[in-house]
Amino acid sequence: QVQLVESGGGLVQSGGSLRLSCAASGSIKRVNAMGWYRQAPGKQRELVGIITSGATTTYADSVKGRFTISRDNPKNTVNLQMNSLKPEDTAVYYCNAVIETVAFRPRNYWGQGTQVTVSS
C-alpha cells in the first residue's frame, strides 16, 4: 500500500507565494518520477511539472519561471515552490508519483489533492 500525502495549500493574494509538499509512504522499493498536476473548476487536469529521480525537471509553459519543483529522494518527498501566483493558478493541486513497490511493478499513484486559491 502506498500513500501520497500533500500539504501546504491555501489562500494567497495575487503576486504571493505558496509551497506545496508531498510525502510518499508505504512498501516502497523505488520512486521514479514525481510531479504535480492541477485541476481548475470545469477544466481538465493538467501537468504543472515533473522531476525525475535524477532531478531533471519539466514545466508547463504557464508556470515556467514562477514555479520550482524539488525532491528529497531519501525522504520520498516532492515540493512545489510557487511564486508570483496569479488568479489563474487557482486549482486543486495533485501530487503524482511513479512508484515501484515490493509487490508491484512501477505504477502511478495520486495524492488526495490540496486547494490553492489566488485572489486578485
PDB file of N, CA and C in Angstrom:
ATOM      1  N   GLN A   1       0.848  -1.188   0.000  1.00  0.00           N
ATOM      2  CA  GLN A   1       0.000   0.000   0.000  1.00  0.00           C
ATOM      3  C   GLN A   1       0.885   1.240   0.000  1.00  0.00           C
ATOM      4  N   VAL A   2       0.578   2.179  -0.880  1.00  0.00           N
ATOM      5  CA  VAL A   2       1.327   3.423  -0.983  1.00  0.00           C
ATOM      6  C   VAL A   2       0.378   4.588  -0.763  1.00  0.00           C
ATOM      7  N   GLN A   3       0.833   5.567  -0.032  1.00  0.00           N
ATOM      8  CA  GLN A   3       0.059   6.789   0.168  1.00  0.00           C
ATOM      9  C   GLN A   3       0.894   7.999  -0.217  1.00  0.00           C
ATOM     10  N   LEU A   4       0.254   8.961  -0.866  1.00  0.00           N
ATOM     11  CA  LEU A   4       0.852  10.258  -1.124  1.00  0.00           C
ATOM     12  C   LEU A   4       0.037  11.282  -0.339  1.00  0.00           C
ATOM     13  N   VAL A   5       0.694  12.000   0.545  1.00  0.00           N
ATOM     14  CA  VAL A   5       0.006  12.967   1.390  1.00  0.00           C
ATOM     15  C   VAL A   5       0.555  14.356   1.094  1.00  0.00           C
ATOM     16  N   GLU A   6      -0.347  15.240   0.679  1.00  0.00           N
ATOM     17  CA  GLU A   6       0.033  16.598   0.323  1.00  0.00           C
ATOM     18  C   GLU A   6      -0.241  17.551   1.481  1.00  0.00           C
ATOM     19  N   SER A   7       0.472  18.661   1.462  1.00  0.00           N
ATOM     20  CA  SER A   7       0.236  19.718   2.444  1.00  0.00           C
ATOM     21  C   SER A   7       0.676  21.040   1.836  1.00  0.00           C
ATOM     22  N   GLY A   8       0.167  22.121   2.411  1.00  0.00           N
ATOM     23  CA  GLY A   8       0.663  23.442   2.039  1.00  0.00           C
ATOM     24  C   GLY A   8      -0.257  24.295   1.200  1.00  0.00           C
ATOM     25  N   GLY A   9      -1.421  23.815   0.828  1.00  0.00           N
ATOM     26  CA  GLY A   9      -2.317  24.646   0.051  1.00  0.00           C
ATOM     27  C   GLY A   9      -2.923  25.747   0.899  1.00  0.00           C
ATOM     28  N   GLY A  10      -3.690  26.621   0.244  1.00  0.00           N
ATOM     29  CA  GLY A  10      -4.342  27.685   0.991  1.00  0.00           C
ATOM     30  C   GLY A  10      -4.736  28.840   0.111  1.00  0.00           C
ATOM     31  N   LEU A  11      -5.034  29.965   0.759  1.00  0.00           N
ATOM     32  CA  LEU A  11      -5.464  31.189   0.082  1.00  0.00           C
ATOM     33  C   LEU A  11      -4.329  32.205   0.120  1.00  0.00           C
ATOM     34  N   VAL A  12      -4.051  32.814  -1.027  1.00  0.00           N
ATOM     35  CA  VAL A  12      -2.982  33.800  -1.106  1.00  0.00           C
ATOM     36  C   VAL A  12      -3.387  34.884  -2.090  1.00  0.00           C
ATOM     37  N   GLN A  13      -2.872  36.064  -1.893  1.00  0.00           N
ATOM     38  CA  GLN A  13      -3.169  37.155  -2.816  1.00  0.00           C
ATOM     39  C   GLN A  13      -2.310  37.040  -4.080  1.00  0.00           C
ATOM     40  N   SER A  14      -2.803  37.638  -5.129  1.00  0.00           N
ATOM     41  CA  SER A  14      -2.053  37.660  -6.390  1.00  0.00           C
ATOM     42  C   SER A  14      -0.657  38.252  -6.159  1.00  0.00           C
ATOM     43  N   GLY A  15       0.342  37.580  -6.730  1.00  0.00           N
ATOM     44  CA  GLY A  15       1.719  38.001  -6.526  1.00  0.00           C
ATOM     45  C   GLY A  15       2.405  37.323  -5.355  1.00  0.00           C
ATOM     46  N   GLY A  16       1.635  36.611  -4.553  1.00  0.00           N
ATOM     47  CA  GLY A  16       2.186  35.937  -3.387  1.00  0.00           C
ATOM     48  C   GLY A  16       2.797  34.593  -3.710  1.00  0.00           C
ATOM     49  N   SER A  17       3.196  33.878  -2.658  1.00  0.00           N
ATOM     50  CA  SER A  17       3.872  32.592  -2.794  1.00  0.00           C
ATOM     51  C   SER A  17       3.237  31.545  -1.895  1.00  0.00           C
ATOM     52  N   LEU A  18       3.346  30.308  -2.331  1.00  0.00           N
ATOM     53  CA  LEU A  18       2.950  29.150  -1.531  1.00  0.00           C
ATOM     54  C   LEU A  18       3.923  28.021  -1.834  1.00  0.00           C
ATOM     55  N   ARG A  19       4.050  27.136  -0.872  1.00  0.00           N
ATOM     56  CA  ARG A  19       4.899  25.952  -1.056  1.00  0.00           C
ATOM     57  C   ARG A  19       4.087  24.720  -0.745  1.00  0.00           C
ATOM     58  N   LEU A  20       4.002  23.825  -1.699  1.00  0.00           N
ATOM     59  CA  LEU A  20       3.315  22.548  -1.509  1.00  0.00           C
ATOM     60  C   LEU A  20       4.342  21.451  -1.284  1.00  0.00           C
ATOM     61  N   SER A  21       3.962  20.507  -0.444  1.00  0.00           N
ATOM     62  CA  SER A  21       4.817  19.353  -0.195  1.00  0.00           C
ATOM     63  C   SER A  21       4.004  18.076  -0.329  1.00  0.00           C
ATOM     64  N   CYS A  22       4.685  17.011  -0.686  1.00  0.00           N
ATOM     65  CA  CYS A  22       4.025  15.716  -0.843  1.00  0.00           C
ATOM     66  C   CYS A  22       4.994  14.635  -0.381  1.00  0.00           C
ATOM     67  N   ALA A  23       4.515  13.771   0.494  1.00  0.00           N
ATOM     68  CA  ALA A  23       5.350  12.695   1.013  1.00  0.00           C
ATOM     69  C   ALA A  23       4.752  11.353   0.630  1.00  0.00           C
ATOM     70  N   ALA A  24       5.569  10.487   0.078  1.00  0.00           N
ATOM     71  CA  ALA A  24       5.142   9.137  -0.266  1.00  0.00           C
ATOM     72  C   ALA A  24       5.568   8.185   0.843  1.00  0.00           C
ATOM     73  N   SER A  25       4.662   7.278   1.187  1.00  0.00           N
ATOM     74  CA  SER A  25       4.973   6.307   2.232  1.00  0.00           C
ATOM     75  C   SER A  25       4.348   4.964   1.890  1.00  0.00           C
ATOM     76  N   GLY A  26       4.852   3.917   2.521  1.00  0.00           N
ATOM     77  CA  GLY A  26       4.331   2.582   2.270  1.00  0.00           C
ATOM     78  C   GLY A  26       5.447   1.617   1.935  1.00  0.00           C
ATOM     79  N   SER A  27       5.067   0.542   1.280  1.00  0.00           N
ATOM     80  CA  SER A  27       6.038  -0.509   0.941  1.00  0.00           C
ATOM     81  C   SER A  27       6.765  -0.158  -0.354  1.00  0.00           C
ATOM     82  N   ILE A  28       7.551   0.895  -0.280  1.00  0.00           N
ATOM     83  CA  ILE A  28       8.195   1.471  -1.463  1.00  0.00           C
ATOM     84  C   ILE A  28       9.544   0.823  -1.705  1.00  0.00           C
ATOM     85  N   LYS A  29       9.720   0.400  -2.943  1.00  0.00           N
ATOM     86  CA  LYS A  29      11.019  -0.124  -3.354  1.00  0.00           C
ATOM     87  C   LYS A  29      11.810   0.963  -4.076  1.00  0.00           C
ATOM     88  N   ARG A  30      11.137   1.692  -4.941  1.00  0.00           N
ATOM     89  CA  ARG A  30      11.810   2.752  -5.702  1.00  0.00           C
ATOM     90  C   ARG A  30      10.776   3.785  -6.145  1.00  0.00           C
ATOM     91  N   VAL A  31      11.124   5.064  -6.037  1.00  0.00           N
ATOM     92  CA  VAL A  31      10.284   6.141  -6.544  1.00  0.00           C
ATOM     93  C   VAL A  31      10.941   6.697  -7.798  1.00  0.00           C
ATOM     94  N   ASN A  32      10.239   6.659  -8.882  1.00  0.00           N
ATOM     95  CA  ASN A  32      10.757   7.185 -10.141  1.00  0.00           C
ATOM     96  C   ASN A  32      10.345   8.654 -10.261  1.00  0.00           C
ATOM     97  N   ALA A  33       9.695   9.037 -11.337  1.00  0.00           N
ATOM     98  CA  ALA A  33       9.320  10.439 -11.495  1.00  0.00           C
ATOM     99  C   ALA A  33       8.267  10.848 -10.469  1.00  0.00           C
ATOM    100  N   MET A  34       8.363  12.085 -10.027  1.00  0.00           N
ATOM    101  CA  MET A  34       7.347  12.686  -9.158  1.00  0.00           C
ATOM    102  C   MET A  34       6.924  13.995  -9.790  1.00  0.00           C
ATOM    103  N   GLY A  35       5.715  14.417  -9.499  1.00  0.00           N
ATOM    104  CA  GLY A  35       5.286  15.660 -10.117  1.00  0.00           C
ATOM    105  C   GLY A  35       4.007  16.203  -9.529  1.00  0.00           C
ATOM    106  N   TRP A  36       3.584  17.298 -10.126  1.00  0.00           N
ATOM    107  CA  TRP A  36       2.364  17.978  -9.702  1.00  0.00           C
ATOM    108  C   TRP A  36       1.476  18.238 -10.901  1.00  0.00           C
ATOM    109  N   TYR A  37       0.193  18.033 -10.688  1.00  0.00           N
ATOM    110  CA  TYR A  37      -0.839  18.346 -11.665  1.00  0.00           C
ATOM    111  C   TYR A  37      -1.844  19.256 -10.964  1.00  0.00           C
ATOM    112  N   ARG A  38      -2.678  19.908 -11.757  1.00  0.00           N
ATOM    113  CA  ARG A  38      -3.719  20.736 -11.173  1.00  0.00           C
ATOM    114  C   ARG A  38      -4.985  20.650 -12.006  1.00  0.00           C
ATOM    115  N   GLN A  39      -6.106  20.904 -11.328  1.00  0.00           N
ATOM    116  CA  GLN A  39      -7.400  20.891 -12.000  1.00  0.00           C
ATOM    117  C   GLN A  39      -8.233  22.045 -11.493  1.00  0.00           C
ATOM    118  N   ALA A  40      -8.544  22.951 -12.390  1.00  0.00           N
ATOM    119  CA  ALA A  40      -9.409  24.077 -12.072  1.00  0.00           C
ATOM    120  C   ALA A  40     -10.860  23.683 -12.342  1.00  0.00           C
ATOM    121  N   PRO A  41     -11.810  24.368 -11.719  1.00  0.00           N
ATOM    122  CA  PRO A  41     -13.227  24.041 -11.927  1.00  0.00           C
ATOM    123  C   PRO A  41     -13.594  24.080 -13.405  1.00  0.00           C
ATOM    124  N   GLY A  42     -14.236  23.021 -13.871  1.00  0.00           N
ATOM    125  CA  GLY A  42     -14.685  22.973 -15.251  1.00  0.00           C
ATOM    126  C   GLY A  42     -13.610  22.678 -16.268  1.00  0.00           C
ATOM    127  N   LYS A  43     -12.404  22.405 -15.801  1.00  0.00           N
ATOM    128  CA  LYS A  43     -11.299  22.139 -16.715  1.00  0.00           C
ATOM    129  C   LYS A  43     -10.705  20.757 -16.463  1.00  0.00           C
ATOM    130  N   GLN A  44      -9.939  20.283 -17.442  1.00  0.00           N
ATOM    131  CA  GLN A  44      -9.283  19.000 -17.286  1.00  0.00           C
ATOM    132  C   GLN A  44      -8.039  19.147 -16.421  1.00  0.00           C
ATOM    133  N   ARG A  45      -7.636  18.035 -15.827  1.00  0.00           N
ATOM    134  CA  ARG A  45      -6.406  18.028 -15.053  1.00  0.00           C
ATOM    135  C   ARG A  45      -5.233  18.255 -16.003  1.00  0.00           C
ATOM    136  N   GLU A  46      -4.298  19.103 -15.592  1.00  0.00           N
ATOM    137  CA  GLU A  46      -3.169  19.426 -16.442  1.00  0.00           C
ATOM    138  C   GLU A  46      -1.861  19.303 -15.671  1.00  0.00           C
ATOM    139  N   LEU A  47      -0.810  19.044 -16.426  1.00  0.00           N
ATOM    140  CA  LEU A  47       0.513  18.944 -15.832  1.00  0.00           C
ATOM    141  C   LEU A  47       1.009  20.315 -15.389  1.00  0.00           C
ATOM    142  N   VAL A  48       1.588  20.362 -14.189  1.00  0.00           N
ATOM    143  CA  VAL A  48       2.285  21.566 -13.734  1.00  0.00           C
ATOM    144  C   VAL A  48       3.787  21.375 -13.930  1.00  0.00           C
ATOM    145  N   GLY A  49       4.292  20.265 -13.438  1.00  0.00           N
ATOM    146  CA  GLY A  49       5.715  19.992 -13.596  1.00  0.00           C
ATOM    147  C   GLY A  49       6.064  18.617 -13.090  1.00  0.00           C
ATOM    148  N   ILE A  50       7.184  18.112 -13.575  1.00  0.00           N
ATOM    149  CA  ILE A  50       7.663  16.787 -13.212  1.00  0.00           C
ATOM    150  C   ILE A  50       9.144  16.862 -12.894  1.00  0.00           C
ATOM    151  N   ILE A  51       9.586  16.017 -11.967  1.00  0.00           N
ATOM    152  CA  ILE A  51      11.009  15.887 -11.672  1.00  0.00           C
ATOM    153  C   ILE A  51      11.356  14.406 -11.640  1.00  0.00           C
ATOM    154  N   THR A  52      12.403  14.043 -12.375  1.00  0.00           N
ATOM    155  CA  THR A  52      12.808  12.641 -12.411  1.00  0.00           C
ATOM    156  C   THR A  52      13.642  12.308 -11.174  1.00  0.00           C
ATOM    157  N   SER A  53      13.957  11.037 -11.028  1.00  0.00           N
ATOM    158  CA  SER A  53      14.785  10.627  -9.898  1.00  0.00           C
ATOM    159  C   SER A  53      16.186  11.230 -10.008  1.00  0.00           C
ATOM    160  N   GLY A  54      16.578  11.599 -11.222  1.00  0.00           N
ATOM    161  CA  GLY A  54      17.862  12.260 -11.427  1.00  0.00           C
ATOM    162  C   GLY A  54      17.791  13.771 -11.385  1.00  0.00           C
ATOM    163  N   ALA A  55      16.635  14.291 -10.985  1.00  0.00           N
ATOM    164  CA  ALA A  55      16.418  15.730 -10.776  1.00  0.00           C
ATOM    165  C   ALA A  55      16.261  16.535 -12.066  1.00  0.00           C
ATOM    166  N   THR A  56      15.955  15.884 -13.158  1.00  0.00           N
ATOM    167  CA  THR A  56      15.617  16.620 -14.383  1.00  0.00           C
ATOM    168  C   THR A  56      14.178  17.086 -14.272  1.00  0.00           C
ATOM    169  N   THR A  57      13.953  18.354 -14.577  1.00  0.00           N
ATOM    170  CA  THR A  57      12.620  18.927 -14.414  1.00  0.00           C
ATOM    171  C   THR A  57      12.016  19.339 -15.760  1.00  0.00           C
ATOM    172  N   THR A  58      10.696  19.269 -15.794  1.00  0.00           N
ATOM    173  CA  THR A  58       9.908  19.731 -16.928  1.00  0.00           C
ATOM    174  C   THR A  58       8.733  20.508 -16.375  1.00  0.00           C
ATOM    175  N   TYR A  59       8.450  21.650 -16.990  1.00  0.00           N
ATOM    176  CA  TYR A  59       7.360  22.505 -16.507  1.00  0.00           C
ATOM    177  C   TYR A  59       6.387  22.840 -17.628  1.00  0.00           C
ATOM    178  N   ALA A  60       5.150  23.077 -17.243  1.00  0.00           N
ATOM    179  CA  ALA A  60       4.190  23.641 -18.182  1.00  0.00           C
ATOM    180  C   ALA A  60       4.630  25.068 -18.511  1.00  0.00           C
ATOM    181  N   ASP A  61       4.360  25.493 -19.736  1.00  0.00           N
ATOM    182  CA  ASP A  61       4.758  26.843 -20.150  1.00  0.00           C
ATOM    183  C   ASP A  61       4.155  27.908 -19.240  1.00  0.00           C
ATOM    184  N   SER A  62       2.958  27.651 -18.751  1.00  0.00           N
ATOM    185  CA  SER A  62       2.243  28.653 -17.958  1.00  0.00           C
ATOM    186  C   SER A  62       2.892  28.927 -16.604  1.00  0.00           C
ATOM    187  N   VAL A  63       3.771  28.026 -16.145  1.00  0.00           N
ATOM    188  CA  VAL A  63       4.375  28.216 -14.817  1.00  0.00           C
ATOM    189  C   VAL A  63       5.889  28.392 -14.876  1.00  0.00           C
ATOM    190  N   LYS A  64       6.475  28.268 -16.046  1.00  0.00           N
ATOM    191  CA  LYS A  64       7.930  28.402 -16.173  1.00  0.00           C
ATOM    192  C   LYS A  64       8.387  29.750 -15.636  1.00  0.00           C
ATOM    193  N   GLY A  65       9.455  29.717 -14.853  1.00  0.00           N
ATOM    194  CA  GLY A  65       9.994  30.940 -14.279  1.00  0.00           C
ATOM    195  C   GLY A  65       9.326  31.374 -12.994  1.00  0.00           C
ATOM    196  N   ARG A  66       8.204  30.756 -12.667  1.00  0.00           N
ATOM    197  CA  ARG A  66       7.494  31.112 -11.420  1.00  0.00           C
ATOM    198  C   ARG A  66       7.465  29.963 -10.423  1.00  0.00           C
ATOM    199  N   PHE A  67       7.352  28.730 -10.928  1.00  0.00           N
ATOM    200  CA  PHE A  67       7.258  27.555 -10.067  1.00  0.00           C
ATOM    201  C   PHE A  67       8.547  26.748 -10.135  1.00  0.00           C
ATOM    202  N   THR A  68       8.893  26.125  -9.001  1.00  0.00           N
ATOM    203  CA  THR A  68      10.084  25.282  -8.950  1.00  0.00           C
ATOM    204  C   THR A  68       9.762  23.986  -8.225  1.00  0.00           C
ATOM    205  N   ILE A  69      10.094  22.884  -8.867  1.00  0.00           N
ATOM    206  CA  ILE A  69       9.922  21.565  -8.246  1.00  0.00           C
ATOM    207  C   ILE A  69      11.258  21.090  -7.707  1.00  0.00           C
ATOM    208  N   SER A  70      11.193  20.478  -6.532  1.00  0.00           N
ATOM    209  CA  SER A  70      12.384  19.864  -5.958  1.00  0.00           C
ATOM    210  C   SER A  70      11.978  18.572  -5.268  1.00  0.00           C
ATOM    211  N   ARG A  71      12.953  17.727  -4.984  1.00  0.00           N
ATOM    212  CA  ARG A  71      12.625  16.471  -4.294  1.00  0.00           C
ATOM    213  C   ARG A  71      13.748  16.080  -3.351  1.00  0.00           C
ATOM    214  N   ASP A  72      13.350  15.294  -2.370  1.00  0.00           N
ATOM    215  CA  ASP A  72      14.300  14.739  -1.406  1.00  0.00           C
ATOM    216  C   ASP A  72      14.180  13.226  -1.542  1.00  0.00           C
ATOM    217  N   ASN A  73      15.102  12.632  -2.241  1.00  0.00           N
ATOM    218  CA  ASN A  73      14.977  11.201  -2.540  1.00  0.00           C
ATOM    219  C   ASN A  73      14.970  10.312  -1.294  1.00  0.00           C
ATOM    220  N   PRO A  74      15.867  10.514  -0.337  1.00  0.00           N
ATOM    221  CA  PRO A  74      15.819   9.641   0.850  1.00  0.00           C
ATOM    222  C   PRO A  74      14.500   9.722   1.615  1.00  0.00           C
ATOM    223  N   LYS A  75      13.834  10.871   1.544  1.00  0.00           N
ATOM    224  CA  LYS A  75      12.576  11.037   2.272  1.00  0.00           C
ATOM    225  C   LYS A  75      11.355  10.782   1.394  1.00  0.00           C
ATOM    226  N   ASN A  76      11.581  10.525   0.101  1.00  0.00           N
ATOM    227  CA  ASN A  76      10.474  10.292  -0.838  1.00  0.00           C
ATOM    228  C   ASN A  76       9.484  11.451  -0.833  1.00  0.00           C
ATOM    229  N   THR A  77       9.995  12.655  -0.872  1.00  0.00           N
ATOM    230  CA  THR A  77       9.133  13.825  -0.889  1.00  0.00           C
ATOM    231  C   THR A  77       9.394  14.670  -2.140  1.00  0.00           C
ATOM    232  N   VAL A  78       8.368  15.377  -2.543  1.00  0.00           N
ATOM    233  CA  VAL A  78       8.475  16.319  -3.650  1.00  0.00           C
ATOM    234  C   VAL A  78       7.816  17.625  -3.220  1.00  0.00           C
ATOM    235  N   ASN A  79       8.420  18.721  -3.605  1.00  0.00           N
ATOM    236  CA  ASN A  79       7.921  20.035  -3.228  1.00  0.00           C
ATOM    237  C   ASN A  79       7.646  20.866  -4.472  1.00  0.00           C
ATOM    238  N   LEU A  80       6.733  21.825  -4.310  1.00  0.00           N
ATOM    239  CA  LEU A  80       6.433  22.762  -5.386  1.00  0.00           C
ATOM    240  C   LEU A  80       6.430  24.161  -4.791  1.00  0.00           C
ATOM    241  N   GLN A  81       7.439  24.928  -5.121  1.00  0.00           N
ATOM    242  CA  GLN A  81       7.507  26.315  -4.697  1.00  0.00           C
ATOM    243  C   GLN A  81       6.847  27.168  -5.764  1.00  0.00           C
ATOM    244  N   MET A  82       5.809  27.882  -5.374  1.00  0.00           N
ATOM    245  CA  MET A  82       5.039  28.681  -6.326  1.00  0.00           C
ATOM    246  C   MET A  82       5.185  30.152  -5.972  1.00  0.00           C
ATOM    247  N   ASN A  83       5.772  30.902  -6.864  1.00  0.00           N
ATOM    248  CA  ASN A  83       5.968  32.341  -6.684  1.00  0.00           C
ATOM    249  C   ASN A  83       5.178  33.114  -7.725  1.00  0.00           C
ATOM    250  N   SER A  84       5.006  34.394  -7.463  1.00  0.00           N
ATOM    251  CA  SER A  84       4.287  35.269  -8.401  1.00  0.00           C
ATOM    252  C   SER A  84       2.967  34.649  -8.825  1.00  0.00           C
ATOM    253  N   LEU A  85       2.221  34.190  -7.864  1.00  0.00           N
ATOM    254  CA  LEU A  85       0.970  33.494  -8.157  1.00  0.00           C
ATOM    255  C   LEU A  85      -0.054  34.422  -8.795  1.00  0.00           C
ATOM    256  N   LYS A  86      -0.848  33.848  -9.686  1.00  0.00           N
ATOM    257  CA  LYS A  86      -1.872  34.580 -10.417  1.00  0.00           C
ATOM    258  C   LYS A  86      -3.236  33.946 -10.131  1.00  0.00           C
ATOM    259  N   PRO A  87      -4.303  34.695 -10.290  1.00  0.00           N
ATOM    260  CA  PRO A  87      -5.636  34.101 -10.082  1.00  0.00           C
ATOM    261  C   PRO A  87      -5.868  32.852 -10.935  1.00  0.00           C
ATOM    262  N   GLU A  88      -5.295  32.806 -12.124  1.00  0.00           N
ATOM    263  CA  GLU A  88      -5.478  31.647 -12.992  1.00  0.00           C
ATOM    264  C   GLU A  88      -4.720  30.407 -12.503  1.00  0.00           C
ATOM    265  N   ASP A  89      -3.925  30.544 -11.453  1.00  0.00           N
ATOM    266  CA  ASP A  89      -3.286  29.383 -10.832  1.00  0.00           C
ATOM    267  C   ASP A  89      -4.223  28.687  -9.843  1.00  0.00           C
ATOM    268  N   THR A  90      -5.370  29.289  -9.594  1.00  0.00           N
ATOM    269  CA  THR A  90      -6.331  28.694  -8.672  1.00  0.00           C
ATOM    270  C   THR A  90      -6.787  27.331  -9.181  1.00  0.00           C
ATOM    271  N   ALA A  91      -6.642  26.321  -8.336  1.00  0.00           N
ATOM    272  CA  ALA A  91      -6.980  24.954  -8.733  1.00  0.00           C
ATOM    273  C   ALA A  91      -6.748  24.024  -7.550  1.00  0.00           C
ATOM    274  N   VAL A  92      -7.194  22.791  -7.710  1.00  0.00           N
ATOM    275  CA  VAL A  92      -6.778  21.733  -6.795  1.00  0.00           C
ATOM    276  C   VAL A  92      -5.491  21.135  -7.367  1.00  0.00           C
ATOM    277  N   TYR A  93      -4.478  21.081  -6.542  1.00  0.00           N
ATOM    278  CA  TYR A  93      -3.172  20.579  -6.965  1.00  0.00           C
ATOM    279  C   TYR A  93      -2.998  19.152  -6.449  1.00  0.00           C
ATOM    280  N   TYR A  94      -2.585  18.275  -7.363  1.00  0.00           N
ATOM    281  CA  TYR A  94      -2.430  16.855  -7.048  1.00  0.00           C
ATOM    282  C   TYR A  94      -0.972  16.437  -7.201  1.00  0.00           C
ATOM    283  N   CYS A  95      -0.502  15.726  -6.214  1.00  0.00           N
ATOM    284  CA  CYS A  95       0.822  15.117  -6.289  1.00  0.00           C
ATOM    285  C   CYS A  95       0.706  13.792  -7.044  1.00  0.00           C
ATOM    286  N   ASN A  96       1.714  13.495  -7.830  1.00  0.00           N
ATOM    287  CA  ASN A  96       1.735  12.250  -8.592  1.00  0.00           C
ATOM    288  C   ASN A  96       3.121  11.642  -8.503  1.00  0.00           C
ATOM    289  N   ALA A  97       3.179  10.328  -8.435  1.00  0.00           N
ATOM    290  CA  ALA A  97       4.481   9.663  -8.402  1.00  0.00           C
ATOM    291  C   ALA A  97       4.378   8.297  -9.062  1.00  0.00           C
ATOM    292  N   VAL A  98       5.438   7.920  -9.733  1.00  0.00           N
ATOM    293  CA  VAL A  98       5.546   6.579 -10.304  1.00  0.00           C
ATOM    294  C   VAL A  98       6.401   5.774  -9.333  1.00  0.00           C
ATOM    295  N   ILE A  99       5.780   4.782  -8.726  1.00  0.00           N
ATOM    296  CA  ILE A  99       6.414   4.081  -7.613  1.00  0.00           C
ATOM    297  C   ILE A  99       6.406   2.582  -7.848  1.00  0.00           C
ATOM    298  N   GLU A 100       7.547   1.982  -7.609  1.00  0.00           N
ATOM    299  CA  GLU A 100       7.663   0.526  -7.619  1.00  0.00           C
ATOM    300  C   GLU A 100       7.625   0.066  -6.167  1.00  0.00           C
ATOM    301  N   THR A 101       6.735  -0.878  -5.894  1.00  0.00           N
ATOM    302  CA  THR A 101       6.642  -1.400  -4.537  1.00  0.00           C
ATOM    303  C   THR A 101       7.241  -2.795  -4.482  1.00  0.00           C
ATOM    304  N   VAL A 102       7.249  -3.335  -3.310  1.00  0.00           N
ATOM    305  CA  VAL A 102       7.741  -4.691  -3.115  1.00  0.00           C
ATOM    306  C   VAL A 102       6.892  -5.680  -3.908  1.00  0.00           C
ATOM    307  N   ALA A 103       5.590  -5.388  -4.010  1.00  0.00           N
ATOM    308  CA  ALA A 103       4.667  -6.321  -4.643  1.00  0.00           C
ATOM    309  C   ALA A 103       4.389  -6.025  -6.113  1.00  0.00           C
ATOM    310  N   PHE A 104       4.539  -4.763  -6.528  1.00  0.00           N
ATOM    311  CA  PHE A 104       4.096  -4.387  -7.867  1.00  0.00           C
ATOM    312  C   PHE A 104       5.175  -3.653  -8.654  1.00  0.00           C
ATOM    313  N   ARG A 105       5.063  -3.777  -9.979  1.00  0.00           N
ATOM    314  CA  ARG A 105       5.916  -3.006 -10.876  1.00  0.00           C
ATOM    315  C   ARG A 105       5.546  -1.532 -10.767  1.00  0.00           C
ATOM    316  N   PRO A 106       6.369  -0.634 -11.354  1.00  0.00           N
ATOM    317  CA  PRO A 106       6.064   0.801 -11.250  1.00  0.00           C
ATOM    318  C   PRO A 106       4.671   1.148 -11.763  1.00  0.00           C
ATOM    319  N   ARG A 107       3.961   1.923 -10.991  1.00  0.00           N
ATOM    320  CA  ARG A 107       2.641   2.383 -11.380  1.00  0.00           C
ATOM    321  C   ARG A 107       2.420   3.770 -10.825  1.00  0.00           C
ATOM    322  N   ASN A 108       1.405   4.432 -11.383  1.00  0.00           N
ATOM    323  CA  ASN A 108       1.053   5.792 -10.968  1.00  0.00           C
ATOM    324  C   ASN A 108       0.283   5.810  -9.655  1.00  0.00           C
ATOM    325  N   TYR A 109       0.651   6.730  -8.792  1.00  0.00           N
ATOM    326  CA  TYR A 109      -0.099   6.983  -7.569  1.00  0.00           C
ATOM    327  C   TYR A 109      -0.422   8.479  -7.485  1.00  0.00           C
ATOM    328  N   TRP A 110      -1.571   8.769  -6.867  1.00  0.00           N
ATOM    329  CA  TRP A 110      -2.027  10.152  -6.749  1.00  0.00           C
ATOM    330  C   TRP A 110      -2.299  10.505  -5.294  1.00  0.00           C
ATOM    331  N   GLY A 111      -2.035  11.769  -4.974  1.00  0.00           N
ATOM    332  CA  GLY A 111      -2.444  12.284  -3.680  1.00  0.00           C
ATOM    333  C   GLY A 111      -3.910  12.671  -3.709  1.00  0.00           C
ATOM    334  N   GLN A 112      -4.408  13.125  -2.575  1.00  0.00           N
ATOM    335  CA  GLN A 112      -5.826  13.451  -2.451  1.00  0.00           C
ATOM    336  C   GLN A 112      -6.145  14.849  -2.982  1.00  0.00           C
ATOM    337  N   GLY A 113      -5.140  15.648  -3.205  1.00  0.00           N
ATOM    338  CA  GLY A 113      -5.350  16.988  -3.723  1.00  0.00           C
ATOM    339  C   GLY A 113      -5.363  18.030  -2.614  1.00  0.00           C
ATOM    340  N   THR A 114      -4.854  19.217  -2.933  1.00  0.00           N
ATOM    341  CA  THR A 114      -4.875  20.329  -1.995  1.00  0.00           C
ATOM    342  C   THR A 114      -5.280  21.588  -2.749  1.00  0.00           C
ATOM    343  N   GLN A 115      -6.161  22.358  -2.151  1.00  0.00           N
ATOM    344  CA  GLN A 115      -6.715  23.534  -2.820  1.00  0.00           C
ATOM    345  C   GLN A 115      -5.751  24.712  -2.723  1.00  0.00           C
ATOM    346  N   VAL A 116      -5.534  25.340  -3.865  1.00  0.00           N
ATOM    347  CA  VAL A 116      -4.784  26.601  -3.922  1.00  0.00           C
ATOM    348  C   VAL A 116      -5.716  27.650  -4.526  1.00  0.00           C
ATOM    349  N   THR A 117      -5.915  28.727  -3.794  1.00  0.00           N
ATOM    350  CA  THR A 117      -6.778  29.807  -4.258  1.00  0.00           C
ATOM    351  C   THR A 117      -5.992  31.105  -4.257  1.00  0.00           C
ATOM    352  N   VAL A 118      -5.964  31.772  -5.411  1.00  0.00           N
ATOM    353  CA  VAL A 118      -5.238  33.032  -5.542  1.00  0.00           C
ATOM    354  C   VAL A 118      -6.262  34.135  -5.797  1.00  0.00           C
ATOM    355  N   SER A 119      -6.328  35.089  -4.899  1.00  0.00           N
ATOM    356  CA  SER A 119      -7.289  36.174  -5.026  1.00  0.00           C
ATOM    357  C   SER A 119      -6.647  37.351  -5.760  1.00  0.00           C
ATOM    358  N   SER A 120      -7.486  38.047  -6.510  1.00  0.00           N
ATOM    359  CA  SER A 120      -6.974  39.185  -7.298  1.00  0.00           C
ATOM    360  C   SER A 120      -7.004  40.474  -6.494  1.00  0.00           C
TER     361      SER A 120
END
